[in-house]
Amino acid sequence: MKTELSHKSAFFLVTVLMSGGLVALALWLGKGQIAFVLFSLVLLYLGRKLGWWLSKASLYDDPLPVVLIECVIWGVVLRRHLRYLRFQGAGRK
């Protein structure tokens, strides 16, 4: 009978517990700068994992024209989001 977790399982479990703990702490503290920082840390980590998974799934295996189209779409989406965030702070759209 195997009593130890594999490294991947243990890492996933620790990641879920830490992320969940940070989110719970942010919700408990309520609104404010510390909640923003804690949510940002969790979302930054999850975004990095999602981005790495997406790049491995598509950019390494697809032919060059498809990769170029994906990069252009990524750039357009990023530009639109950054533009929205910039104007959101100024109260304009």
PDB file of N, CA and C in Angstrom:
ATOM      1  N   MET A   1       0.841  -1.183   0.000  1.00  0.00           N
ATOM      2  CA  MET A   1       0.000   0.000   0.000  1.00  0.00           C
ATOM      3  C   MET A   1       0.885   1.243   0.000  1.00  0.00           C
ATOM      4  N   LYS A   2       0.635   2.113  -0.944  1.00  0.00           N
ATOM      5  CA  LYS A   2       1.435   3.331  -1.083  1.00  0.00           C
ATOM      6  C   LYS A   2       0.938   4.383  -0.092  1.00  0.00           C
ATOM      7  N   THR A   3       1.850   4.919   0.716  1.00  0.00           N
ATOM      8  CA  THR A   3       1.434   5.883   1.745  1.00  0.00           C
ATOM      9  C   THR A   3       1.869   7.304   1.427  1.00  0.00           C
ATOM     10  N   GLU A   4       2.727   7.488   0.452  1.00  0.00           N
ATOM     11  CA  GLU A   4       3.205   8.823   0.103  1.00  0.00           C
ATOM     12  C   GLU A   4       2.524   9.330  -1.155  1.00  0.00           C
ATOM     13  N   LEU A   5       2.340  10.649  -1.207  1.00  0.00           N
ATOM     14  CA  LEU A   5       1.818  11.282  -2.414  1.00  0.00           C
ATOM     15  C   LEU A   5       2.950  11.461  -3.422  1.00  0.00           C
ATOM     16  N   SER A   6       2.596  11.455  -4.689  1.00  0.00           N
ATOM     17  CA  SER A   6       3.604  11.772  -5.693  1.00  0.00           C
ATOM     18  C   SER A   6       3.948  13.252  -5.587  1.00  0.00           C
ATOM     19  N   HIS A   7       5.057  13.649  -6.164  1.00  0.00           N
ATOM     20  CA  HIS A   7       5.482  15.047  -6.096  1.00  0.00           C
ATOM     21  C   HIS A   7       4.470  15.976  -6.754  1.00  0.00           C
ATOM     22  N   LYS A   8       3.911  15.560  -7.886  1.00  0.00           N
ATOM     23  CA  LYS A   8       2.917  16.389  -8.563  1.00  0.00           C
ATOM     24  C   LYS A   8       1.660  16.551  -7.710  1.00  0.00           C
ATOM     25  N   SER A   9       1.210  15.469  -7.099  1.00  0.00           N
ATOM     26  CA  SER A   9       0.018  15.535  -6.253  1.00  0.00           C
ATOM     27  C   SER A   9       0.251  16.405  -5.034  1.00  0.00           C
ATOM     28  N   ALA A  10       1.407  16.255  -4.414  1.00  0.00           N
ATOM     29  CA  ALA A  10       1.724  17.060  -3.230  1.00  0.00           C
ATOM     30  C   ALA A  10       1.844  18.537  -3.597  1.00  0.00           C
ATOM     31  N   PHE A  11       2.474  18.831  -4.715  1.00  0.00           N
ATOM     32  CA  PHE A  11       2.610  20.217  -5.153  1.00  0.00           C
ATOM     33  C   PHE A  11       1.250  20.825  -5.455  1.00  0.00           C
ATOM     34  N   PHE A  12       0.381  20.067  -6.124  1.00  0.00           N
ATOM     35  CA  PHE A  12      -0.960  20.548  -6.426  1.00  0.00           C
ATOM     36  C   PHE A  12      -1.748  20.801  -5.141  1.00  0.00           C
ATOM     37  N   LEU A  13      -1.661  19.902  -4.190  1.00  0.00           N
ATOM     38  CA  LEU A  13      -2.372  20.048  -2.928  1.00  0.00           C
ATOM     39  C   LEU A  13      -1.895  21.279  -2.159  1.00  0.00           C
ATOM     40  N   VAL A  14      -0.599  21.495  -2.105  1.00  0.00           N
ATOM     41  CA  VAL A  14      -0.053  22.667  -1.425  1.00  0.00           C
ATOM     42  C   VAL A  14      -0.472  23.945  -2.148  1.00  0.00           C
ATOM     43  N   THR A  15      -0.461  23.924  -3.461  1.00  0.00           N
ATOM     44  CA  THR A  15      -0.871  25.094  -4.241  1.00  0.00           C
ATOM     45  C   THR A  15      -2.331  25.443  -3.977  1.00  0.00           C
ATOM     46  N   VAL A  16      -3.198  24.444  -3.987  1.00  0.00           N
ATOM     47  CA  VAL A  16      -4.619  24.682  -3.745  1.00  0.00           C
ATOM     48  C   VAL A  16      -4.836  25.203  -2.331  1.00  0.00           C
ATOM     49  N   LEU A  17      -4.163  24.615  -1.359  1.00  0.00           N
ATOM     50  CA  LEU A  17      -4.327  25.062   0.028  1.00  0.00           C
ATOM     51  C   LEU A  17      -3.809  26.480   0.233  1.00  0.00           C
ATOM     52  N   MET A  18      -2.669  26.799  -0.349  1.00  0.00           N
ATOM     53  CA  MET A  18      -2.117  28.154  -0.197  1.00  0.00           C
ATOM     54  C   MET A  18      -2.994  29.176  -0.906  1.00  0.00           C
ATOM     55  N   SER A  19      -3.418  28.879  -2.126  1.00  0.00           N
ATOM     56  CA  SER A  19      -4.270  29.804  -2.865  1.00  0.00           C
ATOM     57  C   SER A  19      -5.605  29.980  -2.154  1.00  0.00           C
ATOM     58  N   GLY A  20      -6.184  28.887  -1.724  1.00  0.00           N
ATOM     59  CA  GLY A  20      -7.448  28.960  -0.991  1.00  0.00           C
ATOM     60  C   GLY A  20      -7.301  29.720   0.314  1.00  0.00           C
ATOM     61  N   GLY A  21      -6.183  29.521   0.999  1.00  0.00           N
ATOM     62  CA  GLY A  21      -5.930  30.253   2.245  1.00  0.00           C
ATOM     63  C   GLY A  21      -5.794  31.746   2.012  1.00  0.00           C
ATOM     64  N   LEU A  22      -5.092  32.119   0.951  1.00  0.00           N
ATOM     65  CA  LEU A  22      -4.951  33.546   0.641  1.00  0.00           C
ATOM     66  C   LEU A  22      -6.281  34.174   0.251  1.00  0.00           C
ATOM     67  N   VAL A  23      -7.099  33.452  -0.517  1.00  0.00           N
ATOM     68  CA  VAL A  23      -8.419  33.972  -0.891  1.00  0.00           C
ATOM     69  C   VAL A  23      -9.306  34.089   0.344  1.00  0.00           C
ATOM     70  N   ALA A  24      -9.292  33.085   1.206  1.00  0.00           N
ATOM     71  CA  ALA A  24     -10.092  33.140   2.431  1.00  0.00           C
ATOM     72  C   ALA A  24      -9.651  34.305   3.315  1.00  0.00           C
ATOM     73  N   LEU A  25      -8.348  34.518   3.427  1.00  0.00           N
ATOM     74  CA  LEU A  25      -7.836  35.638   4.216  1.00  0.00           C
ATOM     75  C   LEU A  25      -8.264  36.968   3.617  1.00  0.00           C
ATOM     76  N   ALA A  26      -8.204  37.075   2.297  1.00  0.00           N
ATOM     77  CA  ALA A  26      -8.622  38.314   1.635  1.00  0.00           C
ATOM     78  C   ALA A  26     -10.112  38.571   1.854  1.00  0.00           C
ATOM     79  N   LEU A  27     -10.931  37.515   1.762  1.00  0.00           N
ATOM     80  CA  LEU A  27     -12.368  37.679   1.993  1.00  0.00           C
ATOM     81  C   LEU A  27     -12.657  38.030   3.450  1.00  0.00           C
ATOM     82  N   TRP A  28     -11.907  37.458   4.358  1.00  0.00           N
ATOM     83  CA  TRP A  28     -12.095  37.736   5.783  1.00  0.00           C
ATOM     84  C   TRP A  28     -11.709  39.169   6.118  1.00  0.00           C
ATOM     85  N   LEU A  29     -10.626  39.660   5.510  1.00  0.00           N
ATOM     86  CA  LEU A  29     -10.185  41.029   5.780  1.00  0.00           C
ATOM     87  C   LEU A  29     -11.103  42.066   5.154  1.00  0.00           C
ATOM     88  N   GLY A  30     -11.823  41.670   4.132  1.00  0.00           N
ATOM     89  CA  GLY A  30     -12.743  42.599   3.482  1.00  0.00           C
ATOM     90  C   GLY A  30     -12.046  43.387   2.392  1.00  0.00           C
ATOM     91  N   LYS A  31     -12.664  44.504   2.048  1.00  0.00           N
ATOM     92  CA  LYS A  31     -12.125  45.314   0.964  1.00  0.00           C
ATOM     93  C   LYS A  31     -10.959  46.148   1.471  1.00  0.00           C
ATOM     94  N   GLY A  32     -10.082  46.456   0.569  1.00  0.00           N
ATOM     95  CA  GLY A  32      -8.938  47.276   0.916  1.00  0.00           C
ATOM     96  C   GLY A  32      -7.705  46.834   0.171  1.00  0.00           C
ATOM     97  N   GLN A  33      -6.619  47.471   0.491  1.00  0.00           N
ATOM     98  CA  GLN A  33      -5.382  47.221  -0.231  1.00  0.00           C
ATOM     99  C   GLN A  33      -4.827  45.828   0.024  1.00  0.00           C
ATOM    100  N   ILE A  34      -4.911  45.329   1.257  1.00  0.00           N
ATOM    101  CA  ILE A  34      -4.342  44.016   1.536  1.00  0.00           C
ATOM    102  C   ILE A  34      -5.136  42.919   0.819  1.00  0.00           C
ATOM    103  N   ALA A  35      -6.463  43.078   0.740  1.00  0.00           N
ATOM    104  CA  ALA A  35      -7.270  42.103   0.008  1.00  0.00           C
ATOM    105  C   ALA A  35      -6.904  42.120  -1.474  1.00  0.00           C
ATOM    106  N   PHE A  36      -6.691  43.304  -2.021  1.00  0.00           N
ATOM    107  CA  PHE A  36      -6.277  43.417  -3.418  1.00  0.00           C
ATOM    108  C   PHE A  36      -4.949  42.700  -3.659  1.00  0.00           C
ATOM    109  N   VAL A  37      -4.005  42.887  -2.759  1.00  0.00           N
ATOM    110  CA  VAL A  37      -2.692  42.249  -2.903  1.00  0.00           C
ATOM    111  C   VAL A  37      -2.823  40.734  -2.832  1.00  0.00           C
ATOM    112  N   LEU A  38      -3.608  40.237  -1.882  1.00  0.00           N
ATOM    113  CA  LEU A  38      -3.755  38.788  -1.748  1.00  0.00           C
ATOM    114  C   LEU A  38      -4.460  38.182  -2.957  1.00  0.00           C
ATOM    115  N   PHE A  39      -5.533  38.826  -3.422  1.00  0.00           N
ATOM    116  CA  PHE A  39      -6.195  38.342  -4.636  1.00  0.00           C
ATOM    117  C   PHE A  39      -5.246  38.417  -5.829  1.00  0.00           C
ATOM    118  N   SER A  40      -4.457  39.462  -5.913  1.00  0.00           N
ATOM    119  CA  SER A  40      -3.521  39.602  -7.025  1.00  0.00           C
ATOM    120  C   SER A  40      -2.495  38.475  -7.030  1.00  0.00           C
ATOM    121  N   LEU A  41      -1.999  38.109  -5.854  1.00  0.00           N
ATOM    122  CA  LEU A  41      -1.025  37.019  -5.775  1.00  0.00           C
ATOM    123  C   LEU A  41      -1.625  35.707  -6.267  1.00  0.00           C
ATOM    124  N   VAL A  42      -2.847  35.422  -5.840  1.00  0.00           N
ATOM    125  CA  VAL A  42      -3.493  34.179  -6.254  1.00  0.00           C
ATOM    126  C   VAL A  42      -3.743  34.181  -7.759  1.00  0.00           C
ATOM    127  N   LEU A  43      -4.306  35.278  -8.260  1.00  0.00           N
ATOM    128  CA  LEU A  43      -4.615  35.336  -9.686  1.00  0.00           C
ATOM    129  C   LEU A  43      -3.360  35.370 -10.549  1.00  0.00           C
ATOM    130  N   LEU A  44      -2.295  35.979 -10.059  1.00  0.00           N
ATOM    131  CA  LEU A  44      -1.030  35.979 -10.793  1.00  0.00           C
ATOM    132  C   LEU A  44      -0.505  34.560 -10.945  1.00  0.00           C
ATOM    133  N   TYR A  45      -0.548  33.808  -9.863  1.00  0.00           N
ATOM    134  CA  TYR A  45      -0.065  32.430  -9.899  1.00  0.00           C
ATOM    135  C   TYR A  45      -0.919  31.578 -10.845  1.00  0.00           C
ATOM    136  N   LEU A  46      -2.248  31.697 -10.703  1.00  0.00           N
ATOM    137  CA  LEU A  46      -3.132  30.905 -11.563  1.00  0.00           C
ATOM    138  C   LEU A  46      -2.998  31.315 -13.024  1.00  0.00           C
ATOM    139  N   GLY A  47      -2.831  32.604 -13.290  1.00  0.00           N
ATOM    140  CA  GLY A  47      -2.644  33.073 -14.661  1.00  0.00           C
ATOM    141  C   GLY A  47      -1.355  32.564 -15.277  1.00  0.00           C
ATOM    142  N   ARG A  48      -0.301  32.515 -14.470  1.00  0.00           N
ATOM    143  CA  ARG A  48       0.964  31.982 -14.988  1.00  0.00           C
ATOM    144  C   ARG A  48       0.831  30.508 -15.342  1.00  0.00           C
ATOM    145  N   LYS A  49       0.164  29.750 -14.486  1.00  0.00           N
ATOM    146  CA  LYS A  49      -0.027  28.322 -14.758  1.00  0.00           C
ATOM    147  C   LYS A  49      -0.878  28.114 -16.011  1.00  0.00           C
ATOM    148  N   LEU A  50      -1.956  28.890 -16.141  1.00  0.00           N
ATOM    149  CA  LEU A  50      -2.809  28.786 -17.321  1.00  0.00           C
ATOM    150  C   LEU A  50      -2.042  29.179 -18.583  1.00  0.00           C
ATOM    151  N   GLY A  51      -1.273  30.245 -18.525  1.00  0.00           N
ATOM    152  CA  GLY A  51      -0.483  30.676 -19.675  1.00  0.00           C
ATOM    153  C   GLY A  51       0.559  29.648 -20.084  1.00  0.00           C
ATOM    154  N   TRP A  52       1.205  29.050 -19.114  1.00  0.00           N
ATOM    155  CA  TRP A  52       2.209  28.028 -19.421  1.00  0.00           C
ATOM    156  C   TRP A  52       1.543  26.812 -20.058  1.00  0.00           C
ATOM    157  N   TRP A  53       0.393  26.421 -19.537  1.00  0.00           N
ATOM    158  CA  TRP A  53      -0.320  25.290 -20.104  1.00  0.00           C
ATOM    159  C   TRP A  53      -0.757  25.595 -21.537  1.00  0.00           C
ATOM    160  N   LEU A  54      -1.298  26.780 -21.771  1.00  0.00           N
ATOM    161  CA  LEU A  54      -1.732  27.152 -23.118  1.00  0.00           C
ATOM    162  C   LEU A  54      -0.567  27.203 -24.098  1.00  0.00           C
ATOM    163  N   SER A  55       0.565  27.727 -23.659  1.00  0.00           N
ATOM    164  CA  SER A  55       1.700  27.810 -24.577  1.00  0.00           C
ATOM    165  C   SER A  55       2.236  26.422 -24.911  1.00  0.00           C
ATOM    166  N   LYS A  56       2.277  25.539 -23.921  1.00  0.00           N
ATOM    167  CA  LYS A  56       2.722  24.173 -24.206  1.00  0.00           C
ATOM    168  C   LYS A  56       1.741  23.451 -25.109  1.00  0.00           C
ATOM    169  N   ALA A  57       0.454  23.722 -24.927  1.00  0.00           N
ATOM    170  CA  ALA A  57      -0.563  23.020 -25.702  1.00  0.00           C
ATOM    171  C   ALA A  57      -0.619  23.487 -27.154  1.00  0.00           C
ATOM    172  N   SER A  58      -0.281  24.746 -27.408  1.00  0.00           N
ATOM    173  CA  SER A  58      -0.469  25.234 -28.778  1.00  0.00           C
ATOM    174  C   SER A  58       0.820  25.704 -29.444  1.00  0.00           C
ATOM    175  N   LEU A  59       1.600  26.512 -28.780  1.00  0.00           N
ATOM    176  CA  LEU A  59       2.726  27.151 -29.458  1.00  0.00           C
ATOM    177  C   LEU A  59       3.848  26.180 -29.819  1.00  0.00           C
ATOM    178  N   TYR A  60       4.016  25.114 -29.057  1.00  0.00           N
ATOM    179  CA  TYR A  60       5.109  24.200 -29.340  1.00  0.00           C
ATOM    180  C   TYR A  60       4.758  23.170 -30.414  1.00  0.00           C
ATOM    181  N   ASP A  61       3.477  22.885 -30.586  1.00  0.00           N
ATOM    182  CA  ASP A  61       3.090  21.812 -31.502  1.00  0.00           C
ATOM    183  C   ASP A  61       2.476  22.297 -32.811  1.00  0.00           C
ATOM    184  N   ASP A  62       2.018  23.534 -32.864  1.00  0.00           N
ATOM    185  CA  ASP A  62       1.338  24.040 -34.062  1.00  0.00           C
ATOM    186  C   ASP A  62       2.348  24.511 -35.106  1.00  0.00           C
ATOM    187  N   PRO A  63       1.937  24.527 -36.376  1.00  0.00           N
ATOM    188  CA  PRO A  63       2.812  25.054 -37.432  1.00  0.00           C
ATOM    189  C   PRO A  63       2.967  26.569 -37.296  1.00  0.00           C
ATOM    190  N   LEU A  64       3.992  27.104 -37.931  1.00  0.00           N
ATOM    191  CA  LEU A  64       4.348  28.514 -37.790  1.00  0.00           C
ATOM    192  C   LEU A  64       3.216  29.481 -38.139  1.00  0.00           C
ATOM    193  N   PRO A  65       2.463  29.300 -39.229  1.00  0.00           N
ATOM    194  CA  PRO A  65       1.382  30.256 -39.510  1.00  0.00           C
ATOM    195  C   PRO A  65       0.324  30.319 -38.395  1.00  0.00           C
ATOM    196  N   VAL A  66       0.010  29.187 -37.811  1.00  0.00           N
ATOM    197  CA  VAL A  66      -0.967  29.158 -36.718  1.00  0.00           C
ATOM    198  C   VAL A  66      -0.413  29.877 -35.495  1.00  0.00           C
ATOM    199  N   VAL A  67       0.860  29.664 -35.204  1.00  0.00           N
ATOM    200  CA  VAL A  67       1.497  30.333 -34.064  1.00  0.00           C
ATOM    201  C   VAL A  67       1.493  31.846 -34.272  1.00  0.00           C
ATOM    202  N   LEU A  68       1.778  32.296 -35.487  1.00  0.00           N
ATOM    203  CA  LEU A  68       1.766  33.738 -35.768  1.00  0.00           C
ATOM    204  C   LEU A  68       0.368  34.333 -35.598  1.00  0.00           C
ATOM    205  N   ILE A  69      -0.646  33.622 -36.045  1.00  0.00           N
ATOM    206  CA  ILE A  69      -2.025  34.093 -35.868  1.00  0.00           C
ATOM    207  C   ILE A  69      -2.381  34.143 -34.385  1.00  0.00           C
ATOM    208  N   GLU A  70      -1.978  33.117 -33.634  1.00  0.00           N
ATOM    209  CA  GLU A  70      -2.235  33.115 -32.186  1.00  0.00           C
ATOM    210  C   GLU A  70      -1.544  34.291 -31.503  1.00  0.00           C
ATOM    211  N   CYS A  71      -0.330  34.596 -31.908  1.00  0.00           N
ATOM    212  CA  CYS A  71       0.397  35.723 -31.304  1.00  0.00           C
ATOM    213  C   CYS A  71      -0.268  37.056 -31.626  1.00  0.00           C
ATOM    214  N   VAL A  72      -0.762  37.213 -32.850  1.00  0.00           N
ATOM    215  CA  VAL A  72      -1.463  38.453 -33.219  1.00  0.00           C
ATOM    216  C   VAL A  72      -2.754  38.587 -32.406  1.00  0.00           C
ATOM    217  N   ILE A  73      -3.508  37.503 -32.287  1.00  0.00           N
ATOM    218  CA  ILE A  73      -4.741  37.539 -31.484  1.00  0.00           C
ATOM    219  C   ILE A  73      -4.408  37.873 -30.030  1.00  0.00           C
ATOM    220  N   TRP A  74      -3.374  37.257 -29.484  1.00  0.00           N
ATOM    221  CA  TRP A  74      -2.947  37.537 -28.110  1.00  0.00           C
ATOM    222  C   TRP A  74      -2.587  39.018 -27.947  1.00  0.00           C
ATOM    223  N   GLY A  75      -1.879  39.577 -28.901  1.00  0.00           N
ATOM    224  CA  GLY A  75      -1.501  40.985 -28.830  1.00  0.00           C
ATOM    225  C   GLY A  75      -2.709  41.912 -28.881  1.00  0.00           C
ATOM    226  N   VAL A  76      -3.683  41.584 -29.730  1.00  0.00           N
ATOM    227  CA  VAL A  76      -4.898  42.407 -29.828  1.00  0.00           C
ATOM    228  C   VAL A  76      -5.689  42.340 -28.527  1.00  0.00           C
ATOM    229  N   VAL A  77      -5.845  41.162 -27.969  1.00  0.00           N
ATOM    230  CA  VAL A  77      -6.581  41.014 -26.707  1.00  0.00           C
ATOM    231  C   VAL A  77      -5.871  41.766 -25.588  1.00  0.00           C
ATOM    232  N   LEU A  78      -4.574  41.627 -25.501  1.00  0.00           N
ATOM    233  CA  LEU A  78      -3.807  42.323 -24.468  1.00  0.00           C
ATOM    234  C   LEU A  78      -3.912  43.831 -24.629  1.00  0.00           C
ATOM    235  N   ARG A  79      -3.824  44.323 -25.851  1.00  0.00           N
ATOM    236  CA  ARG A  79      -3.932  45.755 -26.112  1.00  0.00           C
ATOM    237  C   ARG A  79      -5.292  46.287 -25.675  1.00  0.00           C
ATOM    238  N   ARG A  80      -6.349  45.556 -26.014  1.00  0.00           N
ATOM    239  CA  ARG A  80      -7.698  45.995 -25.640  1.00  0.00           C
ATOM    240  C   ARG A  80      -7.867  46.040 -24.126  1.00  0.00           C
ATOM    241  N   HIS A  81      -7.349  45.039 -23.422  1.00  0.00           N
ATOM    242  CA  HIS A  81      -7.480  45.018 -21.974  1.00  0.00           C
ATOM    243  C   HIS A  81      -6.664  46.134 -21.319  1.00  0.00           C
ATOM    244  N   LEU A  82      -5.464  46.363 -21.796  1.00  0.00           N
ATOM    245  CA  LEU A  82      -4.652  47.438 -21.231  1.00  0.00           C
ATOM    246  C   LEU A  82      -5.268  48.802 -21.515  1.00  0.00           C
ATOM    247  N   ARG A  83      -5.832  48.964 -22.689  1.00  0.00           N
ATOM    248  CA  ARG A  83      -6.496  50.223 -23.018  1.00  0.00           C
ATOM    249  C   ARG A  83      -7.711  50.443 -22.115  1.00  0.00           C
ATOM    250  N   TYR A  84      -8.469  49.381 -21.884  1.00  0.00           N
ATOM    251  CA  TYR A  84      -9.623  49.476 -20.993  1.00  0.00           C
ATOM    252  C   TYR A  84      -9.185  49.856 -19.579  1.00  0.00           C
ATOM    253  N   LEU A  85      -8.136  49.212 -19.070  1.00  0.00           N
ATOM    254  CA  LEU A  85      -7.656  49.532 -17.725  1.00  0.00           C
ATOM    255  C   LEU A  85      -7.146  50.964 -17.630  1.00  0.00           C
ATOM    256  N   ARG A  86      -6.477  51.437 -18.671  1.00  0.00           N
ATOM    257  CA  ARG A  86      -5.953  52.803 -18.655  1.00  0.00           C
ATOM    258  C   ARG A  86      -7.094  53.805 -18.597  1.00  0.00           C
ATOM    259  N   PHE A  87      -8.118  53.609 -19.414  1.00  0.00           N
ATOM    260  CA  PHE A  87      -9.236  54.552 -19.434  1.00  0.00           C
ATOM    261  C   PHE A  87     -10.159  54.374 -18.244  1.00  0.00           C
ATOM    262  N   GLN A  88     -10.175  53.209 -17.644  1.00  0.00           N
ATOM    263  CA  GLN A  88     -11.007  52.975 -16.476  1.00  0.00           C
ATOM    264  C   GLN A  88     -10.576  53.866 -15.315  1.00  0.00           C
ATOM    265  N   GLY A  89      -9.274  54.051 -15.162  1.00  0.00           N
ATOM    266  CA  GLY A  89      -8.761  54.910 -14.087  1.00  0.00           C
ATOM    267  C   GLY A  89      -9.079  56.370 -14.326  1.00  0.00           C
ATOM    268  N   ALA A  90      -9.215  56.777 -15.581  1.00  0.00           N
ATOM    269  CA  ALA A  90      -9.507  58.185 -15.888  1.00  0.00           C
ATOM    270  C   ALA A  90     -11.004  58.453 -15.931  1.00  0.00           C
ATOM    271  N   GLY A  91     -11.827  57.406 -15.807  1.00  0.00           N
ATOM    272  CA  GLY A  91     -13.258  57.588 -15.825  1.00  0.00           C
ATOM    273  C   GLY A  91     -13.844  57.721 -17.221  1.00  0.00           C
ATOM    274  N   ARG A  92     -13.058  57.387 -18.246  1.00  0.00           N
ATOM    275  CA  ARG A  92     -13.528  57.459 -19.638  1.00  0.00           C
ATOM    276  C   ARG A  92     -13.529  56.064 -20.234  1.00  0.00           C
ATOM    277  N   LYS A  93     -14.225  55.951 -21.358  1.00  0.00           N
ATOM    278  CA  LYS A  93     -14.178  54.696 -22.107  1.00  0.00           C
ATOM    279  C   LYS A  93     -13.899  54.966 -23.550  1.00  0.00           C
TER     280      LYS A  93
END
